[in-house]
């Protein structure tokens, strides 16, 4: 049993990874650790629910991720700056209470649940400056998300189930009119990622954004593309989306393309495939304005 009179009350950061936890124990710790600023709970199989109350006045960073049986979260934290959570299929309910200081949010959820969560945070969307979204989605042209008028940093990592039109993904970028930095990663869960050609019967025109109406990304300064060019079978599909973003970022200063080869074993990709993907990245770099600093990793 933990006792605050043994010095525990001075603890400011607590990481609990793969630890057996109950709601009662975790809420007891929150109540006892009166100056706790950062709480991180990862991979706790026994944690089912958690309520963070207004008594956690010093709490600034809350990270609850990969707890497979988590069903409910309620957060009331007046000084919370950053909130991160990722759920599983057992996900139940989230209650966002008073969060007047929150500026940074990370959501790791699936498809419709992610869209629901974005609608839930609409009440404090104006105060957010950083938004990180990791999701698996089935996208469609009618996809609508709320505006995040003051978000300056967007990290969007999406896994697409099968071959889908990329047009709808624009809305996540366009929902942030003051966006300064964009990190984008697209993964294809289609079974043909490591092949030299794609099995999809979809026409390339289905993924073409060149005829779409232009939008204004006048504040975008940094664009980091992570991963898409590691799989040559989908380069043509992603090229249009990337080019669309670059053409609408009139004041872009930096473009970083991470091919992802450093993360893969050498024998998993043929030399010809590597050359094809790197060449695609170079071709993209050739159409980028000379004012933009281009880095291909």
Protein backbone atom coordinates (compact mmCIF):
# COMPACT_ATOMS: atom_id res chain seq x y z
CA UNK A 1 0.00 0.00 0.00
CA UNK A 2 1.22 3.47 -0.94
CA UNK A 3 1.46 6.14 1.81
CA UNK A 4 1.95 9.79 0.92
CA UNK A 5 3.73 10.53 4.21
CA UNK A 6 6.70 8.53 2.92
CA UNK A 7 7.52 11.11 0.29
CA UNK A 8 5.26 9.87 -2.48
CA UNK A 9 3.26 13.09 -2.49
CA UNK A 10 6.21 14.89 -4.10
CA UNK A 11 6.10 12.65 -7.18
CA UNK A 12 5.45 14.62 -10.38
CA UNK A 13 5.67 11.93 -13.07
CA UNK A 14 4.30 8.38 -12.97
CA UNK A 15 4.66 5.75 -15.72
CA UNK A 16 2.69 2.53 -15.31
CA UNK A 17 3.39 0.07 -18.13
CA UNK A 18 2.13 -3.54 -18.05
CA UNK A 19 1.05 -3.08 -14.44
CA UNK A 20 -1.99 -4.72 -12.83
CA UNK A 21 -4.32 -1.82 -12.01
CA UNK A 22 -7.88 -1.37 -10.87
CA UNK A 23 -9.90 1.82 -11.09
CA UNK A 24 -9.89 2.09 -7.31
CA UNK A 25 -6.11 1.84 -7.06
CA UNK A 26 -5.41 4.32 -9.82
CA UNK A 27 -7.91 6.87 -8.48
CA UNK A 28 -6.41 6.42 -5.02
CA UNK A 29 -2.97 7.25 -6.43
CA UNK A 30 -4.33 10.32 -8.18
CA UNK A 31 -5.87 11.48 -4.92
CA UNK A 32 -2.69 10.90 -2.91
CA UNK A 33 -0.21 12.30 -5.41
CA UNK A 34 -1.33 15.89 -5.06
CA UNK A 35 1.46 17.43 -7.17
CA UNK A 36 1.43 14.80 -9.94
CA UNK A 37 1.84 16.47 -13.34
CA UNK A 38 2.20 13.54 -15.71
CA UNK A 39 0.42 10.17 -15.69
CA UNK A 40 1.05 7.50 -18.30
CA UNK A 41 -0.78 4.15 -18.24
CA UNK A 42 0.01 1.63 -20.96
CA UNK A 43 -1.00 -2.00 -21.52
CA UNK A 44 -2.89 -2.59 -18.29
CA UNK A 45 -5.24 -5.55 -18.83
CA UNK A 46 -7.20 -5.01 -15.63
CA UNK A 47 -8.05 -1.33 -16.00
CA UNK A 48 -11.69 -1.05 -17.06
CA UNK A 49 -12.61 2.55 -16.22
CA UNK A 50 -11.14 5.73 -14.79
CA UNK A 51 -12.43 9.06 -13.52
CA UNK A 52 -10.04 11.99 -13.18
CA UNK A 53 -11.61 14.64 -10.98
CA UNK A 54 -11.03 18.35 -10.40
CA UNK A 55 -8.90 17.44 -7.37
CA UNK A 56 -6.04 16.61 -9.79
CA UNK A 57 -5.21 20.28 -10.06
CA UNK A 58 -1.56 19.80 -10.99
CA UNK A 59 -2.13 17.14 -13.67
CA UNK A 60 -0.91 18.43 -17.05
CA UNK A 61 -0.31 15.28 -19.12
CA UNK A 62 -2.60 12.24 -19.23
CA UNK A 63 -1.82 9.24 -21.46
CA UNK A 64 -4.11 6.17 -21.31
CA UNK A 65 -3.32 3.80 -24.19
CA UNK A 66 -3.50 0.13 -25.15
CA UNK A 67 -5.48 -1.02 -22.13
CA UNK A 68 -7.46 -3.80 -23.84
CA UNK A 69 -10.43 -3.90 -21.42
CA UNK A 70 -10.85 -0.16 -20.96
CA UNK A 71 -14.50 0.81 -21.40
CA UNK A 72 -14.98 4.20 -19.81
CA UNK A 73 -13.00 7.37 -19.21
CA UNK A 74 -14.14 10.59 -17.55
CA UNK A 75 -11.81 13.57 -17.31
CA UNK A 76 -12.20 16.78 -15.30
CA UNK A 77 -8.79 18.42 -15.00
CA UNK A 78 -8.54 22.24 -14.94
CA UNK A 79 -4.83 22.40 -15.80
CA UNK A 80 -4.56 19.47 -18.21
CA UNK A 81 -2.51 20.48 -21.28
CA UNK A 82 -2.24 17.16 -23.14
CA UNK A 83 -4.60 14.19 -23.41
CA UNK A 84 -3.79 10.95 -25.24
CA UNK A 85 -5.81 7.78 -25.46
CA UNK A 86 -6.13 4.81 -27.76
CA UNK A 87 -8.86 2.23 -27.39
CA UNK A 88 -9.71 -1.24 -28.58
CA UNK A 89 -12.95 -2.85 -29.76
CA UNK A 90 -14.33 -2.95 -26.21
CA UNK A 91 -14.46 0.84 -26.10
CA UNK A 92 -17.46 2.28 -24.30
CA UNK A 93 -17.86 5.88 -23.19
CA UNK A 94 -15.74 9.01 -22.83
CA UNK A 95 -16.87 12.05 -20.87
CA UNK A 96 -14.96 15.29 -21.38
CA UNK A 97 -15.58 17.54 -18.40
CA UNK A 98 -13.96 20.87 -17.61
CA UNK A 99 -10.71 21.07 -19.61
CA UNK A 100 -10.03 24.81 -20.00
CA UNK A 101 -6.26 24.42 -20.49
CA UNK A 102 -6.22 21.54 -22.98
CA UNK A 103 -4.21 22.33 -26.14
CA UNK A 104 -2.86 18.95 -27.31
CA UNK A 105 -4.98 15.86 -28.10
CA UNK A 106 -4.08 12.40 -29.41
CA UNK A 107 -6.79 9.94 -30.50
CA UNK A 108 -6.09 6.40 -31.60
CA UNK A 109 -9.46 5.01 -32.64
CA UNK A 110 -11.26 3.25 -35.45
CA UNK A 111 -13.31 4.91 -38.18
CA UNK A 112 -16.72 6.04 -36.86
CA UNK A 113 -15.48 6.15 -33.27
CA UNK A 114 -12.82 8.65 -34.28
CA UNK A 115 -15.41 10.82 -36.02
CA UNK A 116 -17.61 10.65 -32.92
CA UNK A 117 -14.69 11.67 -30.74
CA UNK A 118 -13.89 14.65 -32.95
CA UNK A 119 -17.48 15.81 -32.64
CA UNK A 120 -17.31 15.38 -28.86
CA UNK A 121 -14.36 17.76 -28.51
CA UNK A 122 -16.02 20.43 -30.63
CA UNK A 123 -16.85 22.35 -27.45
CA UNK A 124 -13.17 23.07 -26.80
CA UNK A 125 -11.82 22.76 -30.35
CA UNK A 126 -10.92 26.47 -30.45
CA UNK A 127 -8.29 26.07 -27.74
CA UNK A 128 -6.47 23.14 -29.39
CA UNK A 129 -3.14 23.85 -31.12
CA UNK A 130 -1.98 20.26 -31.78
CA UNK A 131 -4.05 17.31 -33.00
CA UNK A 132 -2.73 13.77 -33.53
CA UNK A 133 -4.94 11.14 -35.14
CA UNK A 134 -4.01 7.48 -35.66
CA UNK A 135 -6.83 5.49 -37.21
CA UNK A 136 -8.00 2.76 -39.54
CA UNK A 137 -10.75 4.02 -41.79
CA UNK A 138 -13.19 3.36 -44.58
CA UNK A 139 -13.31 6.76 -46.24
CA UNK A 140 -16.00 8.26 -48.46
CA UNK A 141 -16.50 11.54 -50.29
CA UNK A 142 -19.15 12.77 -47.85
CA UNK A 143 -16.82 12.57 -44.86
CA UNK A 144 -17.32 15.62 -42.62
CA UNK A 145 -15.35 16.61 -39.53
CA UNK A 146 -15.57 19.74 -37.34
CA UNK A 147 -13.26 22.71 -37.77
CA UNK A 148 -10.19 23.16 -35.60
CA UNK A 149 -9.53 26.82 -36.20
CA UNK A 150 -6.39 27.17 -34.08
CA UNK A 151 -4.63 23.83 -34.67
CA UNK A 152 -1.12 24.52 -35.94
CA UNK A 153 0.27 20.97 -35.81
CA UNK A 154 -1.55 18.00 -37.33
CA UNK A 155 -0.22 14.42 -37.23
CA UNK A 156 -2.43 12.16 -39.31
CA UNK A 157 -1.60 8.47 -39.64
CA UNK A 158 -4.23 6.37 -41.34
CA UNK A 159 -4.52 2.72 -42.38
CA UNK A 160 -6.92 2.24 -45.28
CA UNK A 161 -8.82 -1.01 -45.47
CA UNK A 162 -8.69 -2.09 -49.09
CA UNK A 163 -8.40 0.35 -51.97
CA UNK A 164 -10.23 3.59 -51.33
CA UNK A 165 -10.55 7.02 -52.78
CA UNK A 166 -8.14 9.46 -51.15
CA UNK A 167 -10.19 12.58 -51.91
CA UNK A 168 -11.97 12.52 -48.56
CA UNK A 169 -8.69 12.67 -46.62
CA UNK A 170 -8.35 16.31 -47.64
CA UNK A 171 -10.97 17.31 -45.09
CA UNK A 172 -8.65 16.59 -42.17
CA UNK A 173 -6.11 19.08 -43.51
CA UNK A 174 -8.68 21.64 -44.60
CA UNK A 175 -10.32 21.52 -41.15
CA UNK A 176 -7.21 23.28 -39.78
CA UNK A 177 -7.00 26.67 -41.58
CA UNK A 178 -4.04 27.88 -39.45
CA UNK A 179 -2.04 24.69 -39.96
CA UNK A 180 1.74 25.24 -39.81
CA UNK A 181 3.07 21.66 -39.67
CA UNK A 182 1.62 18.51 -41.21
CA UNK A 183 2.87 14.94 -40.70
CA UNK A 184 1.08 12.46 -42.96
CA UNK A 185 1.35 8.69 -43.17
CA UNK A 186 -0.89 6.43 -45.27
CA UNK A 187 -0.79 2.66 -44.98
CA UNK A 188 -2.72 0.28 -47.19
CA UNK A 189 -4.24 -2.80 -45.58
CA UNK A 190 -4.95 -4.55 -48.86
CA UNK A 191 -2.53 -7.48 -49.09
CA UNK A 192 -0.63 -6.10 -52.08
CA UNK A 193 1.62 -3.62 -50.29
CA UNK A 194 4.82 -5.57 -50.89
CA UNK A 195 4.06 -6.42 -54.50
CA UNK A 196 5.41 -4.53 -57.48
CA UNK A 197 1.90 -4.01 -58.83
CA UNK A 198 -1.46 -3.43 -57.24
CA UNK A 199 -4.30 -5.96 -57.48
CA UNK A 200 -6.97 -3.28 -57.27
CA UNK A 201 -9.39 -3.00 -60.18
CA UNK A 202 -9.93 0.68 -59.36
CA UNK A 203 -8.91 3.14 -62.04
CA UNK A 204 -6.15 5.62 -61.27
CA UNK A 205 -8.59 8.42 -62.09
CA UNK A 206 -10.55 7.48 -58.97
CA UNK A 207 -7.64 8.81 -56.94
CA UNK A 208 -6.88 11.86 -59.08
CA UNK A 209 -7.22 15.20 -57.27
CA UNK A 210 -5.97 17.45 -60.06
CA UNK A 211 -9.46 18.57 -61.01
CA UNK A 212 -10.56 19.24 -57.43
CA UNK A 213 -11.25 22.82 -56.32
CA UNK A 214 -8.22 24.43 -54.77
CA UNK A 215 -8.17 25.22 -51.07
CA UNK A 216 -5.99 27.60 -49.10
CA UNK A 217 -3.24 26.22 -46.90
CA UNK A 218 -1.52 29.57 -46.68
CA UNK A 219 0.01 28.97 -43.25
CA UNK A 220 1.51 25.54 -43.93
CA UNK A 221 5.29 25.74 -43.58
CA UNK A 222 6.41 22.14 -42.99
CA UNK A 223 5.08 18.96 -44.63
CA UNK A 224 6.48 15.59 -43.58
CA UNK A 225 5.45 12.52 -45.57
CA UNK A 226 6.22 9.31 -43.72
CA UNK A 227 5.92 5.92 -45.29
CA UNK A 228 3.86 6.09 -48.51
CA UNK A 229 6.80 5.71 -50.89
CA UNK A 230 8.03 2.52 -49.27
CA UNK A 231 5.38 0.60 -51.26
CA UNK A 232 5.63 1.16 -55.01
CA UNK A 233 2.23 -0.43 -55.67
CA UNK A 234 0.42 2.66 -54.34
CA UNK A 235 2.73 5.53 -55.25
CA UNK A 236 0.51 6.69 -58.12
CA UNK A 237 -2.54 6.84 -55.88
CA UNK A 238 -0.83 8.83 -53.15
CA UNK A 239 1.02 11.13 -55.53
CA UNK A 240 -2.11 13.12 -56.38
CA UNK A 241 -3.01 13.76 -52.74
CA UNK A 242 0.52 14.83 -51.84
CA UNK A 243 0.81 17.05 -54.88
CA UNK A 244 -2.58 18.61 -54.09
CA UNK A 245 -1.40 19.58 -50.60
CA UNK A 246 1.90 20.99 -51.88
CA UNK A 247 0.25 23.08 -54.59
CA UNK A 248 -2.13 24.63 -52.08
CA UNK A 249 0.60 25.38 -49.53
CA UNK A 250 1.75 28.62 -51.11
CA UNK A 251 4.24 29.42 -48.32
CA UNK A 252 5.65 25.94 -47.79
CA UNK A 253 9.26 26.04 -46.59
CA UNK A 254 10.15 22.40 -45.90
CA UNK A 255 9.14 19.06 -47.42
CA UNK A 256 10.51 15.87 -45.85
CA UNK A 257 9.86 12.52 -47.50
CA UNK A 258 10.70 9.48 -45.39
CA UNK A 259 10.79 6.47 -47.71
CA UNK A 260 10.80 4.13 -44.72
CA UNK A 261 13.58 1.85 -45.95
CA UNK A 262 15.50 2.22 -42.69
CA UNK A 263 12.60 0.54 -40.85
CA UNK A 264 12.49 -2.53 -43.11
CA UNK A 265 14.83 -5.47 -43.42
CA UNK A 266 17.04 -5.25 -46.47
CA UNK A 267 15.88 -8.59 -47.95
CA UNK A 268 12.18 -7.61 -47.78
CA UNK A 269 12.39 -5.18 -50.70
CA UNK A 270 13.95 -5.84 -54.07
CA UNK A 271 16.52 -3.37 -55.34
CA UNK A 272 14.35 -2.56 -58.37
CA UNK A 273 11.42 -1.71 -56.10
CA UNK A 274 13.61 0.52 -53.96
CA UNK A 275 14.85 2.39 -57.00
CA UNK A 276 11.32 2.82 -58.33
CA UNK A 277 10.05 4.28 -55.06
CA UNK A 278 13.00 6.62 -54.58
CA UNK A 279 12.63 7.77 -58.17
CA UNK A 280 8.96 8.56 -57.51
CA UNK A 281 9.99 10.69 -54.55
CA UNK A 282 12.54 12.49 -56.71
CA UNK A 283 9.97 13.19 -59.40
CA UNK A 284 7.72 14.72 -56.79
CA UNK A 285 10.60 16.85 -55.54
CA UNK A 286 11.12 18.17 -59.10
CA UNK A 287 7.67 19.76 -59.21
CA UNK A 288 8.04 21.42 -55.81
CA UNK A 289 8.84 25.17 -55.97
CA UNK A 290 12.53 26.04 -55.60
CA UNK A 291 11.85 28.01 -52.41
CA UNK A 292 11.02 24.74 -50.59
CA UNK A 293 13.80 22.83 -48.86
CA UNK A 294 13.40 19.17 -49.92
CA UNK A 295 14.80 16.27 -47.93
CA UNK A 296 14.41 12.62 -48.95
CA UNK A 297 15.37 10.16 -46.22
